[in-house]
């Protein structure tokens, strides 16, 4: 089972701290050493706002990922617990952006030996950072983002199973 990040629209205030944390985590330099005028801003999580709601959009790390299936060069592949992106293989065809049902894959420009290439950009759960959990989750000021690992998903299912059983017993015993 894949790990993933899930947003809660009831807690999201649309501050975009998650987006900044994501970019800083993948640059490797701190937020105070980042020059916003000279560096591109390509977060792997996005905040969508309407007049009344805010919500994050990020890769769901799908078990049967349509983006993986349509990638003609294997730039996206199923890893042991997430969907992996191999930027060096990406040809910028945008098939993954069209296949993603959540709109979680964006395109970005990268410098490559004197030229600029366009490649896919998606959440990697901060796999190559030192923090241990995705930066968006650890920096969200309202705890609107939750990082689910295999054990936490099973714990949630177990709690729901127990609650279902308790409700059924209460009905049977006339307590409801």
N, C-alpha and C. Protein backbone atom coordinates (compact mmCIF):
# COMPACT_ATOMS: atom_id res chain seq x y z
N UNK A 1 0.84 -1.18 0.00
CA UNK A 1 0.00 0.00 0.00
C UNK A 1 0.88 1.24 0.00
N UNK A 2 0.48 2.23 -0.78
CA UNK A 2 1.25 3.46 -0.88
C UNK A 2 0.97 4.41 0.28
N UNK A 3 2.00 5.15 0.66
CA UNK A 3 1.86 6.24 1.61
C UNK A 3 1.28 7.43 0.86
N UNK A 4 0.64 8.37 1.55
CA UNK A 4 0.08 9.54 0.87
C UNK A 4 -0.20 10.65 1.87
N UNK A 5 -0.43 11.85 1.34
CA UNK A 5 -0.81 13.01 2.14
C UNK A 5 -2.25 13.34 1.80
N UNK A 6 -3.03 13.62 2.83
CA UNK A 6 -4.44 13.97 2.62
C UNK A 6 -4.71 15.32 3.29
N UNK A 7 -5.40 16.18 2.57
CA UNK A 7 -5.76 17.48 3.11
C UNK A 7 -7.17 17.48 3.68
N UNK A 8 -7.39 18.30 4.70
CA UNK A 8 -8.71 18.45 5.30
C UNK A 8 -9.19 19.88 5.04
N UNK A 9 -10.20 20.04 4.19
CA UNK A 9 -10.67 21.39 3.86
C UNK A 9 -11.30 22.13 5.05
N UNK A 10 -11.66 21.41 6.09
CA UNK A 10 -12.23 22.07 7.27
C UNK A 10 -11.17 22.84 8.05
N UNK A 11 -9.91 22.43 7.91
CA UNK A 11 -8.82 23.08 8.64
C UNK A 11 -7.96 23.99 7.76
N UNK A 12 -7.98 23.80 6.46
CA UNK A 12 -7.12 24.59 5.57
C UNK A 12 -7.59 26.04 5.53
N UNK A 13 -6.65 26.97 5.78
CA UNK A 13 -6.96 28.39 5.76
C UNK A 13 -6.41 29.07 4.50
N UNK A 14 -5.80 28.29 3.63
CA UNK A 14 -5.31 28.83 2.36
C UNK A 14 -4.07 29.69 2.47
N UNK A 15 -3.28 29.50 3.49
CA UNK A 15 -2.10 30.35 3.71
C UNK A 15 -0.95 30.04 2.76
N UNK A 16 -0.97 28.88 2.16
CA UNK A 16 0.05 28.42 1.22
C UNK A 16 1.41 28.14 1.87
N UNK A 17 1.44 27.99 3.17
CA UNK A 17 2.67 27.60 3.85
C UNK A 17 3.17 26.27 3.34
N UNK A 18 2.25 25.36 3.03
CA UNK A 18 2.62 24.04 2.50
C UNK A 18 3.38 24.16 1.19
N UNK A 19 2.97 25.09 0.35
CA UNK A 19 3.62 25.28 -0.94
C UNK A 19 5.05 25.79 -0.76
N UNK A 20 5.20 26.75 0.12
CA UNK A 20 6.53 27.31 0.38
C UNK A 20 7.43 26.25 1.01
N UNK A 21 6.91 25.51 1.98
CA UNK A 21 7.69 24.46 2.64
C UNK A 21 8.15 23.42 1.63
N UNK A 22 7.28 23.07 0.70
CA UNK A 22 7.61 22.09 -0.34
C UNK A 22 8.78 22.58 -1.20
N UNK A 23 8.68 23.79 -1.68
CA UNK A 23 9.73 24.34 -2.54
C UNK A 23 11.06 24.42 -1.80
N UNK A 24 11.02 24.93 -0.59
CA UNK A 24 12.25 25.07 0.19
C UNK A 24 12.86 23.69 0.48
N UNK A 25 12.03 22.70 0.81
CA UNK A 25 12.54 21.36 1.10
C UNK A 25 13.24 20.75 -0.10
N UNK A 26 12.76 21.02 -1.29
CA UNK A 26 13.35 20.43 -2.48
C UNK A 26 14.52 21.23 -3.04
N UNK A 27 14.67 22.46 -2.61
CA UNK A 27 15.82 23.25 -3.04
C UNK A 27 17.05 22.93 -2.21
N UNK A 28 16.83 22.58 -0.97
CA UNK A 28 17.96 22.27 -0.10
C UNK A 28 18.52 23.48 0.61
N UNK A 29 18.06 24.67 0.25
CA UNK A 29 18.51 25.86 0.97
C UNK A 29 17.35 26.35 1.83
N UNK A 30 17.67 27.09 2.87
CA UNK A 30 16.64 27.55 3.79
C UNK A 30 15.78 28.64 3.20
N UNK A 31 14.65 28.87 3.83
CA UNK A 31 13.71 29.86 3.34
C UNK A 31 14.30 31.27 3.35
N UNK A 32 15.19 31.55 4.28
CA UNK A 32 15.74 32.89 4.37
C UNK A 32 16.92 33.10 3.43
N UNK A 33 17.40 32.04 2.80
CA UNK A 33 18.46 32.20 1.81
C UNK A 33 17.93 32.08 0.39
N UNK A 34 16.62 31.93 0.26
CA UNK A 34 15.99 31.82 -1.04
C UNK A 34 15.70 33.22 -1.58
N UNK A 35 16.14 33.48 -2.80
CA UNK A 35 15.87 34.76 -3.45
C UNK A 35 14.69 34.57 -4.40
N UNK A 36 13.50 35.06 -4.02
CA UNK A 36 12.31 34.83 -4.83
C UNK A 36 12.39 35.46 -6.23
N UNK A 37 13.26 36.44 -6.41
CA UNK A 37 13.39 37.09 -7.71
C UNK A 37 14.23 36.28 -8.69
N UNK A 38 15.13 35.45 -8.17
CA UNK A 38 16.04 34.74 -9.06
C UNK A 38 15.78 33.24 -9.14
N UNK A 39 14.83 32.75 -8.38
CA UNK A 39 14.58 31.31 -8.38
C UNK A 39 13.14 31.04 -8.79
N UNK A 40 12.94 29.95 -9.52
CA UNK A 40 11.60 29.55 -9.91
C UNK A 40 10.88 28.91 -8.73
N UNK A 41 9.57 29.02 -8.74
CA UNK A 41 8.75 28.51 -7.64
C UNK A 41 7.86 27.40 -8.19
N UNK A 42 8.26 26.14 -7.94
CA UNK A 42 7.52 24.99 -8.44
C UNK A 42 7.15 24.05 -7.30
N UNK A 43 6.09 24.37 -6.56
CA UNK A 43 5.67 23.47 -5.48
C UNK A 43 5.05 22.20 -6.05
N UNK A 44 5.07 21.16 -5.26
CA UNK A 44 4.48 19.87 -5.65
C UNK A 44 3.13 19.67 -4.98
N UNK A 45 2.67 20.68 -4.29
CA UNK A 45 1.35 20.73 -3.69
C UNK A 45 0.78 22.11 -4.03
N UNK A 46 -0.51 22.17 -4.23
CA UNK A 46 -1.13 23.45 -4.61
C UNK A 46 -2.36 23.69 -3.75
N UNK A 47 -2.57 24.96 -3.41
CA UNK A 47 -3.76 25.36 -2.67
C UNK A 47 -4.75 25.94 -3.67
N UNK A 48 -5.95 25.40 -3.66
CA UNK A 48 -7.02 25.89 -4.52
C UNK A 48 -8.01 26.65 -3.63
N UNK A 49 -8.33 27.87 -4.05
CA UNK A 49 -9.25 28.70 -3.27
C UNK A 49 -10.47 29.06 -4.10
N UNK A 50 -11.62 29.03 -3.45
CA UNK A 50 -12.84 29.59 -4.03
C UNK A 50 -13.29 30.69 -3.08
N UNK A 51 -14.46 31.25 -3.30
CA UNK A 51 -14.95 32.30 -2.40
C UNK A 51 -15.18 31.80 -0.98
N UNK A 52 -15.51 30.52 -0.85
CA UNK A 52 -15.88 30.00 0.47
C UNK A 52 -15.02 28.85 0.98
N UNK A 53 -14.18 28.29 0.13
CA UNK A 53 -13.43 27.11 0.54
C UNK A 53 -11.97 27.18 0.07
N UNK A 54 -11.12 26.48 0.81
CA UNK A 54 -9.74 26.28 0.38
C UNK A 54 -9.41 24.81 0.57
N UNK A 55 -8.56 24.30 -0.28
CA UNK A 55 -8.19 22.89 -0.21
C UNK A 55 -6.86 22.69 -0.93
N UNK A 56 -6.11 21.72 -0.48
CA UNK A 56 -4.86 21.38 -1.15
C UNK A 56 -5.10 20.32 -2.20
N UNK A 57 -4.27 20.38 -3.23
CA UNK A 57 -4.27 19.35 -4.27
C UNK A 57 -2.84 18.85 -4.37
N UNK A 58 -2.68 17.55 -4.19
CA UNK A 58 -1.38 16.93 -4.29
C UNK A 58 -1.55 15.51 -4.80
N UNK A 59 -0.46 14.90 -5.19
CA UNK A 59 -0.50 13.53 -5.69
C UNK A 59 -1.07 12.60 -4.63
N UNK A 60 -1.99 11.74 -5.06
CA UNK A 60 -2.60 10.77 -4.14
C UNK A 60 -1.82 9.46 -4.06
N UNK A 61 -0.73 9.37 -4.81
CA UNK A 61 0.10 8.16 -4.80
C UNK A 61 -0.78 6.93 -5.07
N UNK A 62 -1.58 7.01 -6.11
CA UNK A 62 -2.58 5.98 -6.44
C UNK A 62 -1.97 4.58 -6.55
N UNK A 63 -2.70 3.60 -6.08
CA UNK A 63 -2.26 2.21 -6.18
C UNK A 63 -2.20 1.76 -7.64
N UNK A 64 -3.18 2.15 -8.43
CA UNK A 64 -3.23 1.83 -9.86
C UNK A 64 -3.12 3.13 -10.64
N UNK A 65 -2.00 3.78 -10.52
CA UNK A 65 -1.80 5.14 -11.00
C UNK A 65 -1.92 5.27 -12.52
N UNK A 66 -2.90 6.05 -12.98
CA UNK A 66 -3.04 6.24 -14.42
C UNK A 66 -1.85 6.98 -15.04
N UNK A 67 -1.18 7.83 -14.27
CA UNK A 67 -0.02 8.56 -14.79
C UNK A 67 1.11 7.59 -15.15
N UNK A 68 1.29 6.56 -14.34
CA UNK A 68 2.32 5.56 -14.60
C UNK A 68 1.99 4.80 -15.88
N UNK A 69 0.73 4.46 -16.04
CA UNK A 69 0.31 3.67 -17.20
C UNK A 69 0.50 4.40 -18.52
N UNK A 70 0.34 5.74 -18.52
CA UNK A 70 0.42 6.48 -19.79
C UNK A 70 1.82 7.01 -20.11
N UNK A 71 2.74 6.98 -19.15
CA UNK A 71 4.08 7.53 -19.41
C UNK A 71 4.81 6.65 -20.42
N UNK A 72 5.15 7.21 -21.58
CA UNK A 72 5.77 6.40 -22.63
C UNK A 72 7.24 6.05 -22.41
N UNK A 73 7.89 6.74 -21.45
CA UNK A 73 9.32 6.52 -21.26
C UNK A 73 9.68 6.00 -19.87
N UNK A 74 8.68 5.68 -19.06
CA UNK A 74 8.95 5.15 -17.72
C UNK A 74 9.47 6.18 -16.75
N UNK A 75 9.17 7.46 -16.98
CA UNK A 75 9.61 8.49 -16.04
C UNK A 75 8.84 8.40 -14.72
N UNK A 76 7.64 7.86 -14.78
CA UNK A 76 6.86 7.59 -13.58
C UNK A 76 6.76 6.09 -13.40
N UNK A 77 6.98 5.64 -12.17
CA UNK A 77 6.88 4.20 -11.93
C UNK A 77 6.40 3.94 -10.51
N UNK A 78 5.81 2.78 -10.33
CA UNK A 78 5.32 2.36 -9.01
C UNK A 78 6.51 1.90 -8.19
N UNK A 79 6.74 2.57 -7.07
CA UNK A 79 7.78 2.15 -6.14
C UNK A 79 7.20 1.22 -5.10
N UNK A 80 7.94 0.95 -4.05
CA UNK A 80 7.45 0.04 -3.02
C UNK A 80 6.30 0.64 -2.22
N UNK A 81 6.29 1.98 -2.05
CA UNK A 81 5.22 2.59 -1.26
C UNK A 81 4.82 3.99 -1.76
N UNK A 82 5.14 4.29 -3.01
CA UNK A 82 4.75 5.57 -3.60
C UNK A 82 4.99 5.53 -5.11
N UNK A 83 4.55 6.56 -5.79
CA UNK A 83 4.80 6.70 -7.22
C UNK A 83 6.06 7.54 -7.38
N UNK A 84 7.03 6.98 -8.06
CA UNK A 84 8.34 7.63 -8.23
C UNK A 84 8.40 8.40 -9.54
N UNK A 85 9.05 9.55 -9.50
CA UNK A 85 9.26 10.38 -10.68
C UNK A 85 10.75 10.42 -10.99
N UNK A 86 11.11 10.04 -12.21
CA UNK A 86 12.50 10.09 -12.67
C UNK A 86 12.60 11.23 -13.67
N UNK A 87 12.94 12.40 -13.15
CA UNK A 87 12.96 13.62 -13.94
C UNK A 87 13.88 13.51 -15.16
N UNK A 88 14.97 12.80 -14.99
CA UNK A 88 15.94 12.68 -16.09
C UNK A 88 15.37 11.92 -17.29
N UNK A 89 14.37 11.10 -17.09
CA UNK A 89 13.76 10.34 -18.18
C UNK A 89 12.62 11.10 -18.86
N UNK A 90 12.05 12.08 -18.18
CA UNK A 90 10.85 12.76 -18.66
C UNK A 90 11.12 13.52 -19.96
N UNK A 91 10.20 13.37 -20.91
CA UNK A 91 10.33 14.06 -22.20
C UNK A 91 9.36 15.23 -22.31
N UNK A 92 8.60 15.49 -21.26
CA UNK A 92 7.70 16.64 -21.25
C UNK A 92 6.47 16.48 -22.12
N UNK A 93 6.01 15.26 -22.34
CA UNK A 93 4.87 15.02 -23.25
C UNK A 93 3.53 15.39 -22.64
N UNK A 94 3.47 15.56 -21.33
CA UNK A 94 2.27 15.97 -20.59
C UNK A 94 1.18 14.91 -20.51
N UNK A 95 1.47 13.69 -20.92
CA UNK A 95 0.47 12.62 -20.83
C UNK A 95 0.05 12.37 -19.38
N UNK A 96 0.99 12.46 -18.46
CA UNK A 96 0.68 12.23 -17.05
C UNK A 96 -0.25 13.32 -16.50
N UNK A 97 -0.04 14.56 -16.93
CA UNK A 97 -0.91 15.64 -16.45
C UNK A 97 -2.35 15.43 -16.92
N UNK A 98 -2.51 14.90 -18.11
CA UNK A 98 -3.84 14.64 -18.64
C UNK A 98 -4.48 13.41 -17.98
N UNK A 99 -3.68 12.45 -17.60
CA UNK A 99 -4.20 11.20 -17.02
C UNK A 99 -4.53 11.34 -15.54
N UNK A 100 -3.88 12.23 -14.84
CA UNK A 100 -4.11 12.36 -13.39
C UNK A 100 -5.52 12.87 -13.13
N UNK A 101 -6.33 12.10 -12.42
CA UNK A 101 -7.71 12.52 -12.17
C UNK A 101 -7.83 13.67 -11.16
N UNK A 102 -6.75 14.00 -10.49
CA UNK A 102 -6.78 15.03 -9.46
C UNK A 102 -6.10 16.34 -9.90
N UNK A 103 -5.48 16.35 -11.05
CA UNK A 103 -4.77 17.55 -11.49
C UNK A 103 -3.54 17.82 -10.64
N UNK A 104 -2.95 16.77 -10.12
CA UNK A 104 -1.85 16.93 -9.16
C UNK A 104 -0.47 17.00 -9.82
N UNK A 105 -0.39 16.76 -11.11
CA UNK A 105 0.91 16.82 -11.79
C UNK A 105 0.96 18.09 -12.63
N UNK A 106 1.97 18.88 -12.38
CA UNK A 106 2.20 20.13 -13.11
C UNK A 106 3.48 19.97 -13.92
N UNK A 107 3.70 20.87 -14.84
CA UNK A 107 4.95 20.87 -15.60
C UNK A 107 5.84 21.99 -15.07
N UNK A 108 7.15 21.78 -15.15
CA UNK A 108 8.10 22.81 -14.72
C UNK A 108 9.27 22.84 -15.68
N UNK A 109 9.97 23.95 -15.69
CA UNK A 109 11.17 24.11 -16.51
C UNK A 109 12.40 23.82 -15.66
N UNK A 110 13.34 23.08 -16.25
CA UNK A 110 14.60 22.80 -15.56
C UNK A 110 15.75 23.07 -16.52
N UNK A 111 16.84 23.60 -15.97
CA UNK A 111 18.03 23.82 -16.77
C UNK A 111 18.74 22.50 -16.95
N UNK A 112 19.19 22.25 -18.19
CA UNK A 112 19.83 20.98 -18.49
C UNK A 112 20.93 21.20 -19.52
N UNK A 113 22.17 21.29 -19.05
CA UNK A 113 23.33 21.45 -19.92
C UNK A 113 23.16 22.58 -20.93
N UNK A 114 22.84 23.76 -20.42
CA UNK A 114 22.75 24.94 -21.28
C UNK A 114 21.40 25.12 -21.96
N UNK A 115 20.51 24.17 -21.84
CA UNK A 115 19.17 24.31 -22.42
C UNK A 115 18.14 24.23 -21.29
N UNK A 116 16.92 24.48 -21.65
CA UNK A 116 15.83 24.38 -20.68
C UNK A 116 14.88 23.29 -21.15
N UNK A 117 14.59 22.35 -20.25
CA UNK A 117 13.65 21.27 -20.54
C UNK A 117 12.39 21.47 -19.72
N UNK A 118 11.28 20.98 -20.21
CA UNK A 118 10.04 20.96 -19.46
C UNK A 118 9.80 19.52 -19.02
N UNK A 119 9.58 19.35 -17.72
CA UNK A 119 9.39 18.01 -17.15
C UNK A 119 8.21 18.03 -16.17
N UNK A 120 7.71 16.86 -15.88
CA UNK A 120 6.62 16.72 -14.91
C UNK A 120 7.13 16.98 -13.50
N UNK A 121 6.23 17.50 -12.67
CA UNK A 121 6.55 17.83 -11.28
C UNK A 121 5.40 17.32 -10.41
N UNK A 122 5.70 16.38 -9.51
CA UNK A 122 4.67 15.82 -8.64
C UNK A 122 5.24 15.54 -7.26
N UNK A 123 4.36 15.37 -6.31
CA UNK A 123 4.77 15.08 -4.94
C UNK A 123 5.57 13.79 -4.87
N UNK A 124 6.68 13.84 -4.17
CA UNK A 124 7.50 12.65 -3.93
C UNK A 124 7.56 12.31 -2.44
N UNK A 125 6.65 12.91 -1.67
CA UNK A 125 6.59 12.71 -0.22
C UNK A 125 7.90 13.11 0.47
N UNK A 126 8.60 14.05 -0.15
CA UNK A 126 9.88 14.53 0.38
C UNK A 126 10.86 13.38 0.61
N UNK A 127 10.89 12.47 -0.33
CA UNK A 127 11.73 11.26 -0.21
C UNK A 127 13.21 11.57 -0.06
N UNK A 128 13.68 12.63 -0.66
CA UNK A 128 15.11 12.94 -0.63
C UNK A 128 15.45 14.05 0.35
N UNK A 129 14.58 14.29 1.31
CA UNK A 129 14.87 15.29 2.33
C UNK A 129 15.10 14.59 3.66
N UNK A 130 15.66 15.32 4.61
CA UNK A 130 16.06 14.73 5.88
C UNK A 130 14.94 14.69 6.93
N UNK A 131 13.83 15.34 6.65
CA UNK A 131 12.82 15.53 7.68
C UNK A 131 12.09 14.26 8.12
N UNK A 132 11.92 13.31 7.22
CA UNK A 132 11.23 12.07 7.59
C UNK A 132 9.75 12.06 7.27
N UNK A 133 9.13 13.23 7.23
CA UNK A 133 7.74 13.38 6.81
C UNK A 133 7.71 14.49 5.77
N UNK A 134 6.70 14.51 4.91
CA UNK A 134 6.63 15.59 3.93
C UNK A 134 6.62 16.97 4.60
N UNK A 135 7.38 17.88 4.01
CA UNK A 135 7.52 19.23 4.57
C UNK A 135 6.19 19.95 4.68
N UNK A 136 5.29 19.71 3.73
CA UNK A 136 3.99 20.37 3.78
C UNK A 136 3.23 20.00 5.05
N UNK A 137 3.34 18.74 5.46
CA UNK A 137 2.63 18.25 6.65
C UNK A 137 3.23 18.86 7.91
N UNK A 138 4.54 18.82 8.02
CA UNK A 138 5.19 19.29 9.25
C UNK A 138 5.13 20.81 9.41
N UNK A 139 4.89 21.55 8.33
CA UNK A 139 4.86 23.01 8.43
C UNK A 139 3.46 23.61 8.38
N UNK A 140 2.45 22.81 8.20
CA UNK A 140 1.08 23.34 8.13
C UNK A 140 0.68 23.89 9.50
N UNK A 141 0.35 25.18 9.59
CA UNK A 141 0.06 25.78 10.90
C UNK A 141 -1.28 25.33 11.50
N UNK A 142 -2.16 24.73 10.70
CA UNK A 142 -3.46 24.32 11.22
C UNK A 142 -3.64 22.80 11.24
N UNK A 143 -2.58 22.07 10.95
CA UNK A 143 -2.65 20.60 10.87
C UNK A 143 -3.72 20.11 9.90
N UNK A 144 -3.86 20.83 8.80
CA UNK A 144 -4.84 20.46 7.77
C UNK A 144 -4.36 19.31 6.91
N UNK A 145 -3.07 18.98 6.98
CA UNK A 145 -2.49 17.91 6.18
C UNK A 145 -2.07 16.76 7.08
N UNK A 146 -2.38 15.55 6.64
CA UNK A 146 -2.01 14.35 7.39
C UNK A 146 -1.23 13.43 6.48
N UNK A 147 -0.15 12.87 7.00
CA UNK A 147 0.67 11.91 6.26
C UNK A 147 0.24 10.52 6.69
N UNK A 148 -0.27 9.76 5.73
CA UNK A 148 -0.73 8.40 6.02
C UNK A 148 0.31 7.40 5.54
N UNK A 149 0.74 6.57 6.46
CA UNK A 149 1.60 5.46 6.12
C UNK A 149 0.77 4.19 6.24
N UNK A 150 1.33 3.08 5.87
CA UNK A 150 0.58 1.83 5.84
C UNK A 150 -0.07 1.55 7.20
N UNK A 151 0.67 1.70 8.28
CA UNK A 151 0.14 1.43 9.62
C UNK A 151 -0.99 2.38 9.99
N UNK A 152 -0.86 3.67 9.64
CA UNK A 152 -1.90 4.63 10.02
C UNK A 152 -3.18 4.39 9.25
N UNK A 153 -3.09 3.92 8.02
CA UNK A 153 -4.30 3.58 7.26
C UNK A 153 -4.98 2.39 7.91
N UNK A 154 -4.22 1.37 8.27
CA UNK A 154 -4.80 0.19 8.91
C UNK A 154 -5.42 0.55 10.25
N UNK A 155 -4.78 1.43 11.01
CA UNK A 155 -5.34 1.86 12.29
C UNK A 155 -6.68 2.56 12.09
N UNK A 156 -6.78 3.41 11.06
CA UNK A 156 -8.04 4.11 10.77
C UNK A 156 -9.13 3.11 10.40
N UNK A 157 -8.78 2.12 9.61
CA UNK A 157 -9.75 1.08 9.23
C UNK A 157 -10.19 0.29 10.46
N UNK A 158 -9.24 -0.07 11.31
CA UNK A 158 -9.56 -0.83 12.52
C UNK A 158 -10.51 -0.04 13.42
N UNK A 159 -10.28 1.27 13.57
CA UNK A 159 -11.16 2.11 14.39
C UNK A 159 -12.57 2.16 13.81
N UNK A 160 -12.67 2.28 12.49
CA UNK A 160 -13.99 2.30 11.85
C UNK A 160 -14.69 0.96 12.01
N UNK A 161 -13.95 -0.13 11.89
CA UNK A 161 -14.53 -1.47 12.09
C UNK A 161 -15.08 -1.61 13.51
N UNK A 162 -14.31 -1.18 14.49
CA UNK A 162 -14.73 -1.27 15.88
C UNK A 162 -15.98 -0.42 16.11
N UNK A 163 -15.98 0.80 15.58
CA UNK A 163 -17.14 1.69 15.77
C UNK A 163 -18.39 1.10 15.12
N UNK A 164 -18.23 0.49 13.95
CA UNK A 164 -19.36 -0.15 13.28
C UNK A 164 -19.92 -1.29 14.14
N UNK A 165 -19.03 -2.09 14.70
CA UNK A 165 -19.46 -3.19 15.56
C UNK A 165 -20.15 -2.67 16.82
N UNK A 166 -19.59 -1.64 17.45
CA UNK A 166 -20.20 -1.07 18.65
C UNK A 166 -21.58 -0.51 18.36
N UNK A 167 -21.73 0.16 17.22
CA UNK A 167 -23.04 0.70 16.82
C UNK A 167 -24.04 -0.42 16.60
N UNK A 168 -23.61 -1.50 15.96
CA UNK A 168 -24.50 -2.63 15.70
C UNK A 168 -24.94 -3.29 17.01
N UNK A 169 -24.00 -3.44 17.96
CA UNK A 169 -24.34 -4.03 19.24
C UNK A 169 -25.31 -3.14 20.01
N UNK A 170 -25.10 -1.82 19.93
CA UNK A 170 -25.98 -0.89 20.63
C UNK A 170 -27.40 -0.98 20.07
N UNK A 171 -27.54 -1.10 18.78
CA UNK A 171 -28.86 -1.25 18.15
C UNK A 171 -29.49 -2.56 18.59
N UNK A 172 -28.72 -3.61 18.57
CA UNK A 172 -29.23 -4.94 18.96
C UNK A 172 -29.73 -4.95 20.40
N UNK A 173 -29.03 -4.24 21.26
CA UNK A 173 -29.38 -4.22 22.67
C UNK A 173 -30.39 -3.13 23.02
N UNK A 174 -30.88 -2.42 21.98
CA UNK A 174 -31.91 -1.39 22.18
C UNK A 174 -31.41 -0.11 22.80
N UNK A 175 -30.12 0.16 22.70
CA UNK A 175 -29.55 1.37 23.28
C UNK A 175 -29.62 2.57 22.33
N UNK A 176 -30.06 2.31 21.12
CA UNK A 176 -30.14 3.41 20.14
C UNK A 176 -31.56 3.57 19.68
